[in-house]
């Protein structure tokens, strides 16, 4: 072989190297993009779940405030129990605030269904305080996930 045949082969080798590098870069960028899109989609689902939880907490609070002012009808008591159930199903039991939320909902349930009635200071406010902590923690988690994946 002479030098001339190697020189003729060099452009083909250079083209092959460029093609391999370009395809590798495309693969890496695509993989990162797919992960980012999946993360964004998960965050959208978490955001929707968080909005549902916020709505249920607001509805439960509204029924509770009504119970402060007057006795609830059977339908209103059913609605109250439905809201309690929804909130408890929407919150993950492994959440650090779950025991506190569960206790406050139990107090609200017992007082609403019993003779004693609710008290805004001792029954509704603790529930709202814990619910706000859970909502804030979950919102922060969404932000952390998005921030971490965008780095």
N, C-alpha and C. Protein backbone atom coordinates (compact mmCIF):
# COMPACT_ATOMS: atom_id res chain seq x y z
N UNK A 1 0.84 -1.18 0.00
CA UNK A 1 0.00 0.00 0.00
C UNK A 1 0.88 1.24 0.00
N UNK A 2 0.42 2.18 -0.68
CA UNK A 2 1.18 3.42 -0.72
C UNK A 2 0.42 4.53 0.01
N UNK A 3 1.06 5.63 0.16
CA UNK A 3 0.51 6.76 0.90
C UNK A 3 -0.74 7.31 0.23
N UNK A 4 -0.81 7.23 -1.06
CA UNK A 4 -1.93 7.77 -1.80
C UNK A 4 -3.24 7.06 -1.44
N UNK A 5 -3.23 5.76 -1.22
CA UNK A 5 -4.46 5.03 -0.89
C UNK A 5 -4.97 5.40 0.51
N UNK A 6 -4.08 5.69 1.46
CA UNK A 6 -4.51 6.13 2.80
C UNK A 6 -5.15 7.51 2.74
N UNK A 7 -4.63 8.38 1.95
CA UNK A 7 -5.16 9.73 1.82
C UNK A 7 -6.55 9.68 1.18
N UNK A 8 -6.75 8.79 0.25
CA UNK A 8 -8.07 8.64 -0.38
C UNK A 8 -9.10 8.12 0.63
N UNK A 9 -8.67 7.31 1.57
CA UNK A 9 -9.56 6.70 2.56
C UNK A 9 -9.89 7.66 3.71
N UNK A 10 -9.06 8.67 3.96
CA UNK A 10 -9.21 9.59 5.07
C UNK A 10 -10.54 10.35 5.09
N UNK A 11 -11.05 10.90 4.00
CA UNK A 11 -12.36 11.60 4.04
C UNK A 11 -13.51 10.67 4.47
N UNK A 12 -13.45 9.41 4.06
CA UNK A 12 -14.49 8.45 4.44
C UNK A 12 -14.43 8.17 5.95
N UNK A 13 -13.23 8.05 6.45
CA UNK A 13 -13.04 7.81 7.88
C UNK A 13 -13.51 9.02 8.69
N UNK A 14 -13.19 10.20 8.21
CA UNK A 14 -13.63 11.43 8.88
C UNK A 14 -15.16 11.53 8.87
N UNK A 15 -15.79 11.22 7.79
CA UNK A 15 -17.26 11.24 7.68
C UNK A 15 -17.89 10.23 8.64
N UNK A 16 -17.30 9.06 8.72
CA UNK A 16 -17.79 8.03 9.63
C UNK A 16 -17.68 8.49 11.09
N UNK A 17 -16.58 9.11 11.44
CA UNK A 17 -16.38 9.61 12.81
C UNK A 17 -17.40 10.70 13.13
N UNK A 18 -17.64 11.60 12.22
CA UNK A 18 -18.63 12.67 12.43
C UNK A 18 -20.02 12.06 12.61
N UNK A 19 -20.36 11.06 11.82
CA UNK A 19 -21.68 10.42 11.92
C UNK A 19 -21.85 9.74 13.28
N UNK A 20 -20.81 9.08 13.75
CA UNK A 20 -20.88 8.41 15.06
C UNK A 20 -21.03 9.44 16.17
N UNK A 21 -20.27 10.50 16.13
CA UNK A 21 -20.35 11.55 17.15
C UNK A 21 -21.73 12.21 17.14
N UNK A 22 -22.24 12.52 15.95
CA UNK A 22 -23.54 13.17 15.83
C UNK A 22 -24.66 12.27 16.35
N UNK A 23 -24.61 11.01 16.03
CA UNK A 23 -25.66 10.10 16.51
C UNK A 23 -25.58 9.91 18.02
N UNK A 24 -24.39 9.89 18.58
CA UNK A 24 -24.23 9.78 20.03
C UNK A 24 -24.80 11.01 20.74
N UNK A 25 -24.49 12.17 20.22
CA UNK A 25 -25.03 13.40 20.81
C UNK A 25 -26.55 13.43 20.71
N UNK A 26 -27.09 13.06 19.58
CA UNK A 26 -28.54 13.01 19.40
C UNK A 26 -29.18 12.05 20.39
N UNK A 27 -28.58 10.90 20.59
CA UNK A 27 -29.09 9.93 21.55
C UNK A 27 -29.11 10.48 22.97
N UNK A 28 -28.02 11.11 23.37
CA UNK A 28 -27.91 11.66 24.73
C UNK A 28 -28.94 12.78 24.94
N UNK A 29 -29.07 13.67 23.98
CA UNK A 29 -30.02 14.77 24.08
C UNK A 29 -31.45 14.23 24.11
N UNK A 30 -31.75 13.26 23.29
CA UNK A 30 -33.10 12.68 23.26
C UNK A 30 -33.44 11.99 24.57
N UNK A 31 -32.47 11.29 25.12
CA UNK A 31 -32.69 10.59 26.39
C UNK A 31 -32.98 11.60 27.51
N UNK A 32 -32.23 12.67 27.56
CA UNK A 32 -32.46 13.71 28.57
C UNK A 32 -33.82 14.38 28.37
N UNK A 33 -34.17 14.62 27.13
CA UNK A 33 -35.45 15.26 26.82
C UNK A 33 -36.62 14.37 27.25
N UNK A 34 -36.52 13.07 26.99
CA UNK A 34 -37.57 12.13 27.40
C UNK A 34 -37.71 12.11 28.91
N UNK A 35 -36.59 12.09 29.63
CA UNK A 35 -36.64 12.11 31.10
C UNK A 35 -37.28 13.40 31.60
N UNK A 36 -36.92 14.52 31.00
CA UNK A 36 -37.48 15.80 31.41
C UNK A 36 -38.98 15.85 31.14
N UNK A 37 -39.41 15.36 29.97
CA UNK A 37 -40.83 15.35 29.65
C UNK A 37 -41.60 14.45 30.61
N UNK A 38 -41.02 13.32 30.98
CA UNK A 38 -41.67 12.42 31.94
C UNK A 38 -41.78 13.10 33.30
N UNK A 39 -40.75 13.79 33.70
CA UNK A 39 -40.76 14.50 34.99
C UNK A 39 -41.82 15.59 34.99
N UNK A 40 -41.91 16.33 33.91
CA UNK A 40 -42.91 17.39 33.81
C UNK A 40 -44.32 16.79 33.87
N UNK A 41 -44.52 15.67 33.20
CA UNK A 41 -45.83 15.02 33.22
C UNK A 41 -46.19 14.52 34.61
N UNK A 42 -45.23 13.96 35.30
CA UNK A 42 -45.46 13.52 36.69
C UNK A 42 -45.81 14.72 37.56
N UNK A 43 -45.11 15.82 37.37
CA UNK A 43 -45.40 17.02 38.15
C UNK A 43 -46.78 17.57 37.83
N UNK A 44 -47.22 17.44 36.58
CA UNK A 44 -48.59 17.87 36.24
C UNK A 44 -49.61 17.03 36.99
N UNK A 45 -49.39 15.71 37.06
CA UNK A 45 -50.30 14.84 37.80
C UNK A 45 -50.28 15.18 39.29
N UNK A 46 -49.11 15.44 39.82
CA UNK A 46 -49.01 15.82 41.23
C UNK A 46 -49.72 17.15 41.48
N UNK A 47 -49.59 18.08 40.55
CA UNK A 47 -50.25 19.38 40.67
C UNK A 47 -51.77 19.18 40.67
N UNK A 48 -52.27 18.34 39.79
CA UNK A 48 -53.71 18.07 39.73
C UNK A 48 -54.18 17.42 41.04
N UNK A 49 -53.41 16.47 41.55
CA UNK A 49 -53.74 15.83 42.82
C UNK A 49 -53.75 16.86 43.94
N UNK A 50 -52.77 17.74 43.94
CA UNK A 50 -52.68 18.78 44.97
C UNK A 50 -53.89 19.72 44.90
N UNK A 51 -54.33 20.06 43.70
CA UNK A 51 -55.52 20.90 43.54
C UNK A 51 -56.76 20.18 44.06
N UNK A 52 -56.86 18.87 43.81
CA UNK A 52 -57.98 18.09 44.34
C UNK A 52 -57.97 18.10 45.87
N UNK A 53 -56.82 17.90 46.44
CA UNK A 53 -56.70 17.89 47.89
C UNK A 53 -57.09 19.26 48.46
N UNK A 54 -56.60 20.32 47.84
CA UNK A 54 -56.92 21.68 48.30
C UNK A 54 -58.43 21.92 48.23
N UNK A 55 -59.06 21.48 47.14
CA UNK A 55 -60.50 21.64 46.98
C UNK A 55 -61.27 20.87 48.04
N UNK A 56 -60.85 19.64 48.31
CA UNK A 56 -61.54 18.83 49.31
C UNK A 56 -61.38 19.42 50.71
N UNK A 57 -60.19 19.93 51.01
CA UNK A 57 -59.98 20.58 52.31
C UNK A 57 -60.89 21.80 52.43
N UNK A 58 -61.00 22.58 51.36
CA UNK A 58 -61.87 23.76 51.38
C UNK A 58 -63.34 23.35 51.57
N UNK A 59 -63.76 22.31 50.85
CA UNK A 59 -65.15 21.85 50.98
C UNK A 59 -65.43 21.33 52.38
N UNK A 60 -64.49 20.57 52.91
CA UNK A 60 -64.66 20.04 54.26
C UNK A 60 -64.72 21.17 55.29
N UNK A 61 -63.89 22.18 55.09
CA UNK A 61 -63.89 23.32 55.98
C UNK A 61 -65.23 24.07 55.89
N UNK A 62 -65.75 24.22 54.68
CA UNK A 62 -67.03 24.90 54.51
C UNK A 62 -68.15 24.16 55.24
N UNK A 63 -68.18 22.85 55.11
CA UNK A 63 -69.21 22.06 55.81
C UNK A 63 -69.00 22.17 57.32
N UNK A 64 -67.75 22.18 57.75
CA UNK A 64 -67.45 22.29 59.18
C UNK A 64 -67.89 23.63 59.74
N UNK A 65 -67.67 24.69 59.00
CA UNK A 65 -68.09 26.02 59.44
C UNK A 65 -69.62 26.08 59.53
N UNK A 66 -70.28 25.43 58.60
CA UNK A 66 -71.74 25.36 58.66
C UNK A 66 -72.18 24.61 59.92
N UNK A 67 -71.45 23.56 60.27
CA UNK A 67 -71.78 22.80 61.47
C UNK A 67 -71.57 23.62 62.73
N UNK A 68 -70.70 24.63 62.66
CA UNK A 68 -70.51 25.54 63.80
C UNK A 68 -71.78 26.32 64.09
N UNK A 69 -72.45 26.71 63.02
CA UNK A 69 -73.58 27.62 63.15
C UNK A 69 -74.90 26.91 63.42
N UNK A 70 -75.04 25.70 62.91
CA UNK A 70 -76.30 24.98 63.11
C UNK A 70 -76.05 23.48 63.00
N UNK A 71 -77.03 22.73 63.43
CA UNK A 71 -76.94 21.28 63.29
C UNK A 71 -77.05 20.91 61.82
N UNK A 72 -76.29 19.92 61.42
CA UNK A 72 -76.32 19.48 60.03
C UNK A 72 -77.47 18.51 59.81
N UNK A 73 -78.08 18.60 58.65
CA UNK A 73 -79.09 17.60 58.27
C UNK A 73 -78.36 16.29 57.96
N UNK A 74 -79.13 15.24 57.77
CA UNK A 74 -78.51 13.94 57.45
C UNK A 74 -77.74 14.00 56.14
N UNK A 75 -78.28 14.71 55.15
CA UNK A 75 -77.56 14.85 53.88
C UNK A 75 -76.26 15.62 54.07
N UNK A 76 -76.29 16.64 54.88
CA UNK A 76 -75.08 17.43 55.14
C UNK A 76 -74.06 16.60 55.93
N UNK A 77 -74.53 15.77 56.83
CA UNK A 77 -73.63 14.88 57.55
C UNK A 77 -72.99 13.88 56.61
N UNK A 78 -73.79 13.37 55.65
CA UNK A 78 -73.24 12.46 54.63
C UNK A 78 -72.17 13.17 53.81
N UNK A 79 -72.44 14.43 53.44
CA UNK A 79 -71.47 15.22 52.67
C UNK A 79 -70.20 15.45 53.50
N UNK A 80 -70.38 15.73 54.78
CA UNK A 80 -69.25 15.91 55.67
C UNK A 80 -68.38 14.65 55.72
N UNK A 81 -69.03 13.51 55.88
CA UNK A 81 -68.30 12.23 55.94
C UNK A 81 -67.61 11.94 54.60
N UNK A 82 -68.30 12.26 53.50
CA UNK A 82 -67.72 12.07 52.18
C UNK A 82 -66.44 12.91 52.03
N UNK A 83 -66.49 14.16 52.47
CA UNK A 83 -65.31 15.04 52.37
C UNK A 83 -64.17 14.54 53.25
N UNK A 84 -64.52 14.09 54.46
CA UNK A 84 -63.48 13.52 55.33
C UNK A 84 -62.82 12.32 54.65
N UNK A 85 -63.63 11.48 54.06
CA UNK A 85 -63.11 10.27 53.40
C UNK A 85 -62.21 10.64 52.22
N UNK A 86 -62.65 11.61 51.43
CA UNK A 86 -61.84 12.02 50.28
C UNK A 86 -60.49 12.58 50.70
N UNK A 87 -60.50 13.42 51.72
CA UNK A 87 -59.23 13.99 52.21
C UNK A 87 -58.32 12.87 52.68
N UNK A 88 -58.88 11.93 53.44
CA UNK A 88 -58.03 10.85 53.96
C UNK A 88 -57.51 9.96 52.84
N UNK A 89 -58.27 9.81 51.76
CA UNK A 89 -57.79 9.00 50.63
C UNK A 89 -56.76 9.74 49.78
N UNK A 90 -56.84 11.05 49.75
CA UNK A 90 -55.90 11.83 48.94
C UNK A 90 -54.53 12.01 49.60
N UNK A 91 -54.49 11.90 50.92
CA UNK A 91 -53.22 12.10 51.63
C UNK A 91 -52.53 10.75 51.81
N UNK A 92 -51.27 10.72 51.47
CA UNK A 92 -50.46 9.51 51.62
C UNK A 92 -50.22 9.25 53.10
N UNK A 93 -50.49 8.03 53.54
CA UNK A 93 -50.33 7.71 54.96
C UNK A 93 -48.87 7.73 55.41
N UNK A 94 -47.95 7.73 54.47
CA UNK A 94 -46.54 7.82 54.86
C UNK A 94 -46.09 9.27 55.05
N UNK A 95 -46.98 10.21 54.76
CA UNK A 95 -46.67 11.63 54.97
C UNK A 95 -46.43 11.87 56.45
N UNK A 96 -45.43 12.66 56.76
CA UNK A 96 -45.06 12.90 58.17
C UNK A 96 -46.18 13.57 58.96
N UNK A 97 -47.08 14.29 58.29
CA UNK A 97 -48.16 14.98 58.98
C UNK A 97 -49.45 14.17 59.04
N UNK A 98 -49.44 12.97 58.45
CA UNK A 98 -50.66 12.16 58.40
C UNK A 98 -51.24 11.86 59.78
N UNK A 99 -50.46 11.43 60.77
CA UNK A 99 -51.06 11.13 62.08
C UNK A 99 -51.79 12.35 62.69
N UNK A 100 -51.18 13.51 62.55
CA UNK A 100 -51.78 14.73 63.07
C UNK A 100 -53.07 15.08 62.32
N UNK A 101 -53.06 14.91 61.00
CA UNK A 101 -54.26 15.17 60.20
C UNK A 101 -55.36 14.19 60.54
N UNK A 102 -54.99 12.92 60.65
CA UNK A 102 -55.97 11.88 60.98
C UNK A 102 -56.63 12.16 62.34
N UNK A 103 -55.82 12.57 63.30
CA UNK A 103 -56.35 12.89 64.63
C UNK A 103 -57.31 14.08 64.57
N UNK A 104 -56.93 15.13 63.86
CA UNK A 104 -57.79 16.31 63.78
C UNK A 104 -59.09 16.00 63.03
N UNK A 105 -59.02 15.15 62.00
CA UNK A 105 -60.24 14.76 61.29
C UNK A 105 -61.13 13.89 62.19
N UNK A 106 -60.52 13.05 63.00
CA UNK A 106 -61.29 12.23 63.94
C UNK A 106 -62.04 13.10 64.95
N UNK A 107 -61.37 14.12 65.46
CA UNK A 107 -62.01 15.04 66.40
C UNK A 107 -63.17 15.76 65.71
N UNK A 108 -62.93 16.24 64.48
CA UNK A 108 -63.99 16.93 63.74
C UNK A 108 -65.18 16.00 63.51
N UNK A 109 -64.90 14.76 63.16
CA UNK A 109 -65.98 13.80 62.90
C UNK A 109 -66.78 13.53 64.17
N UNK A 110 -66.07 13.24 65.26
CA UNK A 110 -66.76 12.92 66.51
C UNK A 110 -67.60 14.09 67.01
N UNK A 111 -67.07 15.29 66.91
CA UNK A 111 -67.81 16.46 67.39
C UNK A 111 -68.99 16.78 66.47
N UNK A 112 -68.82 16.61 65.18
CA UNK A 112 -69.91 16.92 64.24
C UNK A 112 -71.04 15.91 64.37
N UNK A 113 -70.69 14.66 64.51
CA UNK A 113 -71.71 13.62 64.58
C UNK A 113 -72.28 13.48 65.99
N UNK A 114 -71.58 14.01 66.97
CA UNK A 114 -72.03 13.88 68.35
C UNK A 114 -72.86 15.08 68.79
N UNK A 115 -73.09 15.14 70.05
CA UNK A 115 -73.92 16.18 70.66
C UNK A 115 -73.13 17.47 70.90
N UNK A 116 -71.83 17.33 71.11
CA UNK A 116 -71.02 18.46 71.55
C UNK A 116 -70.92 19.59 70.52
N UNK A 117 -70.79 19.24 69.26
CA UNK A 117 -70.63 20.25 68.22
C UNK A 117 -69.18 20.68 68.08
N UNK A 118 -68.92 21.35 66.98
CA UNK A 118 -67.56 21.79 66.66
C UNK A 118 -67.21 23.12 67.31
N UNK A 119 -65.92 23.30 67.51
CA UNK A 119 -65.38 24.58 67.95
C UNK A 119 -64.34 25.01 66.93
N UNK A 120 -64.45 26.26 66.48
CA UNK A 120 -63.53 26.73 65.44
C UNK A 120 -62.08 26.68 65.91
N UNK A 121 -61.83 27.14 67.11
CA UNK A 121 -60.45 27.21 67.62
C UNK A 121 -59.85 25.83 67.87
N UNK A 122 -60.60 24.95 68.49
CA UNK A 122 -60.01 23.67 68.91
C UNK A 122 -60.19 22.55 67.90
N UNK A 123 -61.11 22.70 66.95
CA UNK A 123 -61.38 21.60 66.02
C UNK A 123 -61.02 21.91 64.57
N UNK A 124 -61.44 23.05 64.08
CA UNK A 124 -61.24 23.36 62.66
C UNK A 124 -59.84 23.92 62.41
N UNK A 125 -59.36 24.80 63.24
CA UNK A 125 -58.04 25.41 63.02
C UNK A 125 -56.90 24.39 63.03
N UNK A 126 -56.88 23.41 63.95
CA UNK A 126 -55.80 22.42 63.88
C UNK A 126 -55.82 21.63 62.57
N UNK A 127 -57.03 21.30 62.10
CA UNK A 127 -57.16 20.60 60.82
C UNK A 127 -56.59 21.44 59.69
N UNK A 128 -56.97 22.72 59.63
CA UNK A 128 -56.48 23.60 58.57
C UNK A 128 -54.97 23.80 58.65
N UNK A 129 -54.44 23.91 59.85
CA UNK A 129 -53.00 24.09 60.03
C UNK A 129 -52.23 22.91 59.46
N UNK A 130 -52.68 21.70 59.79
CA UNK A 130 -52.00 20.50 59.29
C UNK A 130 -52.19 20.37 57.79
N UNK A 131 -53.39 20.63 57.30
CA UNK A 131 -53.65 20.54 55.86
C UNK A 131 -52.75 21.51 55.09
N UNK A 132 -52.59 22.71 55.62
CA UNK A 132 -51.71 23.69 54.96
C UNK A 132 -50.26 23.21 54.93
N UNK A 133 -49.81 22.57 56.00
CA UNK A 133 -48.45 22.02 56.03
C UNK A 133 -48.27 20.97 54.94
N UNK A 134 -49.27 20.09 54.82
CA UNK A 134 -49.19 19.03 53.81
C UNK A 134 -49.18 19.64 52.42
N UNK A 135 -50.07 20.59 52.16
CA UNK A 135 -50.12 21.24 50.85
C UNK A 135 -48.81 21.95 50.54
N UNK A 136 -48.25 22.64 51.51
CA UNK A 136 -46.97 23.34 51.30
C UNK A 136 -45.84 22.37 51.03
N UNK A 137 -45.77 21.30 51.83
CA UNK A 137 -44.71 20.30 51.63
C UNK A 137 -44.79 19.67 50.25
N UNK A 138 -46.00 19.35 49.83
CA UNK A 138 -46.17 18.72 48.52
C UNK A 138 -45.85 19.70 47.39
N UNK A 139 -46.21 20.97 47.56
CA UNK A 139 -45.86 21.98 46.56
C UNK A 139 -44.34 22.12 46.46
N UNK A 140 -43.69 22.16 47.61
CA UNK A 140 -42.23 22.24 47.63
C UNK A 140 -41.61 21.02 46.95
N UNK A 141 -42.21 19.87 47.14
CA UNK A 141 -41.71 18.64 46.50
C UNK A 141 -41.79 18.75 44.97
N UNK A 142 -42.89 19.28 44.48
CA UNK A 142 -43.04 19.48 43.03
C UNK A 142 -41.94 20.42 42.53
N UNK A 143 -41.73 21.51 43.24
CA UNK A 143 -40.70 22.47 42.84
C UNK A 143 -39.31 21.83 42.87
N UNK A 144 -39.05 21.04 43.90
CA UNK A 144 -37.75 20.37 44.01
C UNK A 144 -37.52 19.41 42.85
N UNK A 145 -38.56 18.66 42.49
CA UNK A 145 -38.44 17.71 41.37
C UNK A 145 -38.13 18.46 40.09
N UNK A 146 -38.87 19.51 39.82
CA UNK A 146 -38.65 20.27 38.58
C UNK A 146 -37.28 20.94 38.59
N UNK A 147 -36.89 21.51 39.71
CA UNK A 147 -35.60 22.18 39.79
C UNK A 147 -34.45 21.20 39.59
N UNK A 148 -34.57 20.05 40.25
CA UNK A 148 -33.50 19.03 40.18
C UNK A 148 -33.34 18.52 38.75
N UNK A 149 -34.44 18.33 38.03
CA UNK A 149 -34.35 17.78 36.68
C UNK A 149 -33.92 18.81 35.65
N UNK A 150 -34.04 20.08 35.97
CA UNK A 150 -33.66 21.12 35.02
C UNK A 150 -32.22 21.55 35.16
N UNK A 151 -31.49 20.96 36.08
CA UNK A 151 -30.09 21.31 36.28
C UNK A 151 -29.20 20.71 35.23
